[in-house]
């Protein structure tokens, strides 16, 4: 029975790939070994069978072409609905590099500079306080030596405190105002601390600098031109039927337990929900590959340049100096992108200078310019150990992808 289901799933995936692309993948033409690429879905299937994940979609691309696109397991365990290569996933913090791209597009147009203080665009950030000392029942505050800048927000070095949205439908203007009232946790630029608040604030700056809503800017300037038809903050009713269920492990329960996207309130399709710049997007593996191919090509795609070469270099080069950053060792940060400085552990098979980002529920997307490689892994599994970036699933996928490159 398991073999029959596996064969049927493979045939379905082959048909979907053929219909979603101009031609079926041709690994040999991209310098990849087709037989070795088949080890990727086999490896992912093992994680399905041992109950680590419900299912997965994996994509490997080189240059301008997709070498393989595979689906294994289930998008819904209760109904045993097979995972499909065109299923949508909540990509969570993989939204952050998209937001950074919008910021750099506006810098290219002269509408902002990453060196500008945030207060230039959002006056509520003027004269912020910073925590100087924490007492048992009190805080001592002082003024920081300098105001926070867009650079600080892009690199998670602003000192802003993470703040949950007061409502699921609050505007980015309201959210930025609330963030500005919280004292900084540390002097700007002195420390790396992963900060959703900082990226959400950048989304509001995109609105102020562009004169458009954040979501409209992304839709008109990135998603439509790149053909990313399944990338959205608000899946349509038809897309919602293709959204993979999320799962977790619960103490006292055997197997995977369905869980909600933690920030999601109300209907998945409701456009009243805030388009959170730090982590609100849904997407597919094929859509993300379109965005990543643009980055692999230095910021251009289809004869159109989205960010300048100078902006591309700033985004994908270490901007955090010697600060310890990231959720695995050997990492640094550019503008919105995590950058591999010293490959080790889960990044050992990647080249120095590889850039990408992961998401809270295990999704991963990485671009390795030296190996001309793009890897995208889509899963929906909360509470991976030790964290989503350091998962065995990610490591196994990347190892198999790199092993398939013809040397």
Protein backbone atom coordinates (compact mmCIF):
# COMPACT_ATOMS: atom_id res chain seq x y z
CA UNK A 1 0.00 0.00 0.00
CA UNK A 2 2.83 2.44 0.91
CA UNK A 3 4.61 1.71 -2.39
CA UNK A 4 1.44 2.32 -4.39
CA UNK A 5 0.80 5.64 -2.65
CA UNK A 6 4.43 6.69 -3.21
CA UNK A 7 4.25 5.88 -6.93
CA UNK A 8 0.94 7.72 -7.30
CA UNK A 9 2.36 10.76 -5.51
CA UNK A 10 5.43 10.73 -7.73
CA UNK A 11 3.29 10.58 -10.88
CA UNK A 12 1.09 13.40 -9.62
CA UNK A 13 4.15 15.56 -8.88
CA UNK A 14 5.57 14.89 -12.33
CA UNK A 15 2.34 16.01 -13.96
CA UNK A 16 2.16 19.13 -11.80
CA UNK A 17 5.76 20.07 -12.55
CA UNK A 18 5.18 19.66 -16.27
CA UNK A 19 2.12 21.89 -16.16
CA UNK A 20 3.69 24.54 -13.93
CA UNK A 21 6.83 25.01 -16.01
CA UNK A 22 7.56 25.45 -19.68
CA UNK A 23 9.26 22.04 -19.76
CA UNK A 24 9.98 19.24 -17.29
CA UNK A 25 13.14 19.75 -15.24
CA UNK A 26 16.34 18.85 -17.08
CA UNK A 27 18.94 18.34 -14.34
CA UNK A 28 21.75 17.40 -16.72
CA UNK A 29 21.45 20.71 -18.54
CA UNK A 30 21.89 22.46 -15.19
CA UNK A 31 24.94 20.45 -14.20
CA UNK A 32 23.14 18.16 -11.79
CA UNK A 33 22.87 14.41 -11.43
CA UNK A 34 19.26 13.30 -11.87
CA UNK A 35 19.77 10.04 -10.00
CA UNK A 36 21.26 11.81 -6.98
CA UNK A 37 18.45 14.37 -6.97
CA UNK A 38 15.99 11.49 -6.48
CA UNK A 39 17.58 10.96 -3.07
CA UNK A 40 15.96 14.21 -1.88
CA UNK A 41 12.33 13.03 -1.80
CA UNK A 42 13.52 9.66 -0.45
CA UNK A 43 15.21 11.46 2.42
CA UNK A 44 12.19 13.65 3.10
CA UNK A 45 9.93 10.59 3.09
CA UNK A 46 11.94 9.14 6.00
CA UNK A 47 11.07 12.21 8.09
CA UNK A 48 7.41 11.69 7.19
CA UNK A 49 7.53 8.03 8.16
CA UNK A 50 9.19 8.68 11.53
CA UNK A 51 6.56 11.31 12.39
CA UNK A 52 8.83 14.35 12.34
CA UNK A 53 6.81 16.10 9.62
CA UNK A 54 3.52 15.53 7.84
CA UNK A 55 4.91 16.31 4.40
CA UNK A 56 7.32 18.46 2.46
CA UNK A 57 7.89 20.22 -0.84
CA UNK A 58 11.50 20.61 -1.95
CA UNK A 59 12.97 22.54 -4.86
CA UNK A 60 16.51 22.74 -6.21
CA UNK A 61 17.49 25.22 -8.90
CA UNK A 62 20.69 26.26 -10.61
CA UNK A 63 21.01 29.45 -12.59
CA UNK A 64 17.72 30.10 -14.36
CA UNK A 65 16.31 26.58 -14.22
CA UNK A 66 14.61 24.22 -11.78
CA UNK A 67 16.49 20.93 -11.44
CA UNK A 68 13.85 19.19 -9.31
CA UNK A 69 10.58 19.91 -7.57
CA UNK A 70 9.16 17.17 -5.34
CA UNK A 71 6.36 16.62 -2.86
CA UNK A 72 6.12 13.86 -0.25
CA UNK A 73 3.73 13.02 2.55
CA UNK A 74 0.50 14.83 3.34
CA UNK A 75 -0.76 18.40 3.51
CA UNK A 76 -3.54 17.22 5.84
CA UNK A 77 -2.97 14.18 8.04
CA UNK A 78 -6.61 13.87 9.11
CA UNK A 79 -7.86 13.43 5.55
CA UNK A 80 -4.63 11.89 4.17
CA UNK A 81 -4.59 14.56 1.48
CA UNK A 82 -1.33 14.13 -0.46
CA UNK A 83 1.11 17.02 -0.47
CA UNK A 84 1.32 18.75 -3.87
CA UNK A 85 4.17 20.75 -5.32
CA UNK A 86 1.88 23.79 -5.68
CA UNK A 87 0.66 23.77 -2.07
CA UNK A 88 1.00 27.04 -0.13
CA UNK A 89 2.88 27.39 3.15
CA UNK A 90 3.12 30.09 5.78
CA UNK A 91 6.71 31.20 5.19
CA UNK A 92 6.85 33.33 8.35
CA UNK A 93 10.21 35.14 8.68
CA UNK A 94 11.14 34.36 5.09
CA UNK A 95 9.01 37.50 4.57
CA UNK A 96 11.85 39.59 6.03
CA UNK A 97 14.16 39.54 2.97
CA UNK A 98 11.18 40.57 0.83
CA UNK A 99 10.66 43.60 3.08
CA UNK A 100 14.38 44.41 2.88
CA UNK A 101 14.18 44.26 -0.91
CA UNK A 102 11.40 46.85 -0.88
CA UNK A 103 13.54 49.13 1.28
CA UNK A 104 16.51 48.83 -1.08
CA UNK A 105 14.34 49.50 -4.13
CA UNK A 106 13.30 52.77 -2.51
CA UNK A 107 16.92 53.61 -1.72
CA UNK A 108 17.79 53.06 -5.39
CA UNK A 109 15.05 55.57 -6.24
CA UNK A 110 16.44 58.16 -3.82
CA UNK A 111 13.38 58.04 -1.58
CA UNK A 112 15.28 56.92 1.52
CA UNK A 113 18.72 55.93 2.75
CA UNK A 114 19.62 53.07 5.05
CA UNK A 115 21.83 55.51 6.95
CA UNK A 116 18.87 57.76 7.78
CA UNK A 117 17.51 57.85 11.33
CA UNK A 118 14.11 56.19 11.63
CA UNK A 119 12.71 59.43 13.08
CA UNK A 120 13.17 61.12 9.67
CA UNK A 121 10.22 59.05 8.40
CA UNK A 122 8.49 58.27 11.70
CA UNK A 123 8.69 61.29 14.04
CA UNK A 124 7.34 59.24 16.94
CA UNK A 125 10.81 57.64 17.23
CA UNK A 126 12.43 60.97 18.09
CA UNK A 127 14.07 61.26 21.52
CA UNK A 128 13.66 57.61 22.48
CA UNK A 129 14.76 56.33 25.86
CA UNK A 130 16.97 53.33 26.51
CA UNK A 131 17.17 51.00 29.51
CA UNK A 132 20.37 51.80 31.40
CA UNK A 133 19.81 49.52 34.38
CA UNK A 134 17.19 47.01 35.49
CA UNK A 135 16.33 46.96 39.18
CA UNK A 136 14.20 44.41 40.96
CA UNK A 137 11.12 46.59 40.66
CA UNK A 138 12.31 49.49 38.53
CA UNK A 139 14.13 50.60 35.38
CA UNK A 140 16.71 53.31 35.03
CA UNK A 141 16.45 55.02 31.65
CA UNK A 142 18.78 57.25 29.67
CA UNK A 143 19.08 58.65 26.16
CA UNK A 144 21.04 56.50 23.69
CA UNK A 145 24.18 58.04 22.16
CA UNK A 146 22.49 58.15 18.76
CA UNK A 147 19.06 57.47 17.26
CA UNK A 148 18.28 54.17 15.57
CA UNK A 149 18.73 54.04 11.79
CA UNK A 150 17.23 51.99 8.98
CA UNK A 151 20.52 50.09 8.90
CA UNK A 152 19.94 49.06 12.51
CA UNK A 153 16.46 47.79 11.67
CA UNK A 154 17.71 45.83 8.64
CA UNK A 155 20.44 44.09 10.66
CA UNK A 156 18.53 43.42 13.92
CA UNK A 157 20.86 45.73 15.87
CA UNK A 158 18.43 48.53 16.76
CA UNK A 159 17.77 47.62 20.39
CA UNK A 160 14.01 47.81 19.83
CA UNK A 161 11.98 45.53 22.07
CA UNK A 162 9.85 42.90 20.40
CA UNK A 163 6.20 43.86 20.67
CA UNK A 164 3.16 41.80 19.73
CA UNK A 165 0.51 43.54 17.67
CA UNK A 166 -2.31 44.81 19.91
CA UNK A 167 -4.87 43.57 17.35
CA UNK A 168 -4.76 41.34 14.28
CA UNK A 169 -6.11 44.21 12.18
CA UNK A 170 -3.97 47.06 13.49
CA UNK A 171 -2.34 49.28 10.88
CA UNK A 172 1.43 49.41 10.49
CA UNK A 173 1.18 53.06 11.56
CA UNK A 174 -0.40 52.01 14.86
CA UNK A 175 2.14 49.26 15.35
CA UNK A 176 5.07 51.61 14.72
CA UNK A 177 3.64 54.13 17.16
CA UNK A 178 3.34 51.46 19.86
CA UNK A 179 6.91 50.27 19.19
CA UNK A 180 8.29 53.79 19.51
CA UNK A 181 6.92 54.10 23.05
CA UNK A 182 8.98 51.18 24.36
CA UNK A 183 12.50 51.98 25.61
CA UNK A 184 15.42 50.49 23.71
CA UNK A 185 16.96 47.36 25.20
CA UNK A 186 20.57 48.27 24.31
CA UNK A 187 22.59 50.95 22.47
CA UNK A 188 21.88 50.87 18.71
CA UNK A 189 24.49 48.93 16.76
CA UNK A 190 26.10 47.34 19.83
CA UNK A 191 24.40 43.95 19.78
CA UNK A 192 22.44 41.58 17.52
CA UNK A 193 19.00 40.61 18.75
CA UNK A 194 16.43 39.13 16.36
CA UNK A 195 13.68 41.72 16.15
CA UNK A 196 10.31 41.36 14.45
CA UNK A 197 9.45 44.86 15.63
CA UNK A 198 12.30 46.34 13.61
CA UNK A 199 11.20 44.69 10.37
CA UNK A 200 7.56 45.66 10.94
CA UNK A 201 8.77 49.25 11.41
CA UNK A 202 10.56 49.04 8.05
CA UNK A 203 7.24 48.08 6.47
CA UNK A 204 5.73 51.29 7.78
CA UNK A 205 8.70 53.25 6.39
CA UNK A 206 8.06 51.66 2.99
CA UNK A 207 4.54 53.08 3.18
CA UNK A 208 5.72 56.57 4.12
CA UNK A 209 8.48 56.69 1.50
CA UNK A 210 6.48 55.15 -1.36
CA UNK A 211 3.03 56.64 -0.74
CA UNK A 212 1.53 53.15 -1.07
CA UNK A 213 0.42 50.56 1.44
CA UNK A 214 3.17 48.05 2.20
CA UNK A 215 1.20 45.14 0.69
CA UNK A 216 0.34 47.10 -2.45
CA UNK A 217 4.00 48.02 -2.96
CA UNK A 218 5.04 44.37 -2.80
CA UNK A 219 2.22 43.23 -5.08
CA UNK A 220 2.81 45.83 -7.79
CA UNK A 221 6.59 46.14 -7.61
CA UNK A 222 7.67 42.55 -6.91
CA UNK A 223 5.05 39.82 -6.98
CA UNK A 224 3.23 40.66 -10.22
CA UNK A 225 6.37 41.52 -12.25
CA UNK A 226 8.07 38.33 -11.07
CA UNK A 227 5.00 36.20 -11.74
CA UNK A 228 4.61 35.22 -8.08
CA UNK A 229 0.88 34.51 -8.35
CA UNK A 230 0.71 32.43 -5.17
CA UNK A 231 2.54 34.78 -2.81
CA UNK A 232 0.17 36.73 -0.61
CA UNK A 233 -0.70 37.85 2.91
CA UNK A 234 -4.31 36.81 2.30
CA UNK A 235 -4.82 33.53 0.44
CA UNK A 236 -7.94 33.49 -1.69
CA UNK A 237 -10.59 30.84 -1.07
CA UNK A 238 -9.03 28.70 -3.82
CA UNK A 239 -5.51 29.20 -2.45
CA UNK A 240 -6.69 28.47 1.10
CA UNK A 241 -7.65 24.97 -0.05
CA UNK A 242 -3.99 24.48 -0.99
CA UNK A 243 -2.50 25.71 2.30
CA UNK A 244 -0.67 22.89 4.08
CA UNK A 245 -1.75 22.24 7.66
CA UNK A 246 0.70 23.03 10.47
CA UNK A 247 1.74 20.45 13.05
CA UNK A 248 3.63 20.21 16.32
CA UNK A 249 4.57 17.75 19.03
CA UNK A 250 2.58 17.88 22.27
CA UNK A 251 3.75 16.17 25.45
CA UNK A 252 1.44 13.31 26.33
CA UNK A 253 0.23 12.88 22.74
CA UNK A 254 1.62 10.39 20.27
CA UNK A 255 2.40 11.60 16.77
CA UNK A 256 1.93 15.01 15.24
CA UNK A 257 -0.82 17.30 16.49
CA UNK A 258 -2.37 19.96 14.26
CA UNK A 259 -1.62 23.51 15.38
CA UNK A 260 -2.55 27.00 14.25
CA UNK A 261 -0.28 29.63 12.78
CA UNK A 262 0.31 31.40 16.07
CA UNK A 263 -0.27 34.97 14.88
CA UNK A 264 -3.34 34.12 12.78
CA UNK A 265 -6.66 35.34 14.14
CA UNK A 266 -9.91 34.83 12.26
CA UNK A 267 -10.31 33.64 8.70
CA UNK A 268 -7.24 32.79 6.62
CA UNK A 269 -8.72 34.73 3.72
CA UNK A 270 -9.61 37.87 5.70
CA UNK A 271 -7.99 40.95 4.22
CA UNK A 272 -8.65 42.79 7.47
CA UNK A 273 -5.61 41.02 8.92
CA UNK A 274 -2.43 43.10 9.08
CA UNK A 275 0.16 42.38 6.38
CA UNK A 276 3.03 41.85 8.82
CA UNK A 277 6.38 42.72 7.18
CA UNK A 278 8.25 40.50 9.64
CA UNK A 279 6.39 37.30 8.85
CA UNK A 280 2.96 37.43 7.25
CA UNK A 281 3.43 35.90 3.79
CA UNK A 282 2.16 32.64 2.33
CA UNK A 283 3.87 31.24 -0.75
CA UNK A 284 4.83 28.18 -2.78
CA UNK A 285 8.24 26.69 -3.52
CA UNK A 286 8.00 27.67 -7.19
CA UNK A 287 7.07 31.27 -6.36
CA UNK A 288 9.96 31.64 -3.94
CA UNK A 289 12.31 30.25 -6.58
CA UNK A 290 11.32 33.15 -8.85
CA UNK A 291 12.29 35.62 -6.16
CA UNK A 292 15.52 33.76 -5.38
CA UNK A 293 16.54 33.46 -9.03
CA UNK A 294 16.35 37.24 -9.19
CA UNK A 295 18.73 37.41 -6.24
CA UNK A 296 21.06 34.76 -7.66
CA UNK A 297 21.27 36.92 -10.78
CA UNK A 298 22.36 39.93 -8.72
CA UNK A 299 18.97 41.62 -8.43
CA UNK A 300 17.69 41.26 -12.00
CA UNK A 301 15.21 38.92 -13.71
CA UNK A 302 13.64 38.72 -17.16
CA UNK A 303 15.58 41.70 -18.41
CA UNK A 304 14.34 43.86 -15.54
CA UNK A 305 16.49 45.09 -12.68
CA UNK A 306 14.74 45.15 -9.31
CA UNK A 307 17.62 46.37 -7.16
CA UNK A 308 20.91 47.93 -8.24
CA UNK A 309 24.12 45.94 -8.10
CA UNK A 310 25.26 48.18 -5.25
CA UNK A 311 22.06 47.50 -3.29
CA UNK A 312 22.36 43.77 -3.96
CA UNK A 313 25.90 43.78 -2.54
CA UNK A 314 24.76 45.61 0.59
CA UNK A 315 21.89 43.21 1.16
CA UNK A 316 23.88 40.00 0.75
CA UNK A 317 27.22 40.95 2.33
CA UNK A 318 27.97 40.82 6.07
CA UNK A 319 26.88 44.09 7.69
CA UNK A 320 27.14 42.99 11.34
CA UNK A 321 30.93 42.84 11.69
CA UNK A 322 32.08 40.48 14.42
CA UNK A 323 28.76 40.45 16.30
CA UNK A 324 27.43 36.97 17.06
CA UNK A 325 24.26 36.56 15.05
CA UNK A 326 21.73 33.99 13.92
CA UNK A 327 20.38 30.71 15.27
CA UNK A 328 23.26 28.49 14.15
CA UNK A 329 27.00 29.06 14.43
CA UNK A 330 29.01 30.78 11.73
CA UNK A 331 26.33 33.23 10.63
CA UNK A 332 26.18 36.98 10.04
CA UNK A 333 23.54 39.33 8.68
CA UNK A 334 23.30 41.55 5.64
CA UNK A 335 20.24 43.72 5.09
CA UNK A 336 17.29 41.44 5.76
CA UNK A 337 19.23 38.33 4.73
CA UNK A 338 21.20 35.93 6.92
CA UNK A 339 24.69 35.37 5.47
CA UNK A 340 26.94 32.34 6.00
CA UNK A 341 30.38 33.54 7.15
CA UNK A 342 31.94 30.27 8.25
CA UNK A 343 30.14 27.14 6.99
CA UNK A 344 29.70 24.59 9.76
CA UNK A 345 27.11 22.19 11.07
CA UNK A 346 23.88 22.66 9.16
CA UNK A 347 25.62 25.05 6.72
CA UNK A 348 28.79 22.96 6.24
CA UNK A 349 27.85 22.01 2.67
CA UNK A 350 27.19 25.64 1.66
CA UNK A 351 29.76 28.20 0.51
CA UNK A 352 30.85 31.28 2.46
CA UNK A 353 28.64 34.11 1.29
CA UNK A 354 25.53 31.94 0.90
CA UNK A 355 22.50 34.00 1.91
CA UNK A 356 18.91 33.17 2.77
CA UNK A 357 16.40 32.91 5.59
CA UNK A 358 14.27 30.41 7.46
CA UNK A 359 10.77 30.53 8.90
CA UNK A 360 9.30 29.67 12.30
CA UNK A 361 7.64 26.47 11.07
CA UNK A 362 10.73 25.07 9.37
CA UNK A 363 10.58 26.56 5.87
CA UNK A 364 14.01 27.39 4.41
CA UNK A 365 15.36 29.19 1.34
CA UNK A 366 19.07 29.67 0.57
CA UNK A 367 21.06 31.02 -2.37
CA UNK A 368 24.66 29.88 -2.86
CA UNK A 369 26.23 32.08 -5.57
CA UNK A 370 29.52 30.15 -5.65
CA UNK A 371 27.73 26.89 -6.40
CA UNK A 372 25.10 28.68 -8.53
CA UNK A 373 22.53 26.93 -6.35
CA UNK A 374 19.09 27.65 -4.88
CA UNK A 375 17.48 25.33 -2.32
CA UNK A 376 13.92 25.73 -1.03
CA UNK A 377 12.33 23.50 1.60
CA UNK A 378 8.68 23.89 2.55
CA UNK A 379 7.36 22.19 5.69
CA UNK A 380 4.92 23.23 8.42
CA UNK A 381 6.27 21.95 11.70
CA UNK A 382 6.33 24.05 14.85
CA UNK A 383 8.81 23.58 17.71
CA UNK A 384 11.57 21.91 15.75
CA UNK A 385 14.60 21.18 17.91
CA UNK A 386 16.97 22.80 18.62
CA UNK A 387 15.39 25.42 16.33
CA UNK A 388 13.96 25.69 12.82
CA UNK A 389 17.28 26.76 11.26
CA UNK A 390 19.25 23.93 12.86
CA UNK A 391 16.89 21.06 12.02
CA UNK A 392 18.09 17.66 10.80
CA UNK A 393 15.55 17.98 7.98
CA UNK A 394 17.23 21.07 6.59
CA UNK A 395 20.67 19.52 6.88
CA UNK A 396 19.65 16.31 5.07
CA UNK A 397 17.98 18.23 2.26
CA UNK A 398 20.91 20.55 1.68
CA UNK A 399 23.43 17.70 1.78
CA UNK A 400 21.49 15.78 -0.87
CA UNK A 401 21.10 18.87 -3.07
CA UNK A 402 24.80 19.75 -2.99
CA UNK A 403 25.81 16.10 -3.53
CA UNK A 404 23.84 16.14 -6.79
CA UNK A 405 26.00 18.89 -8.34
CA UNK A 406 28.25 17.46 -11.04
CA UNK A 407 31.86 18.34 -10.29
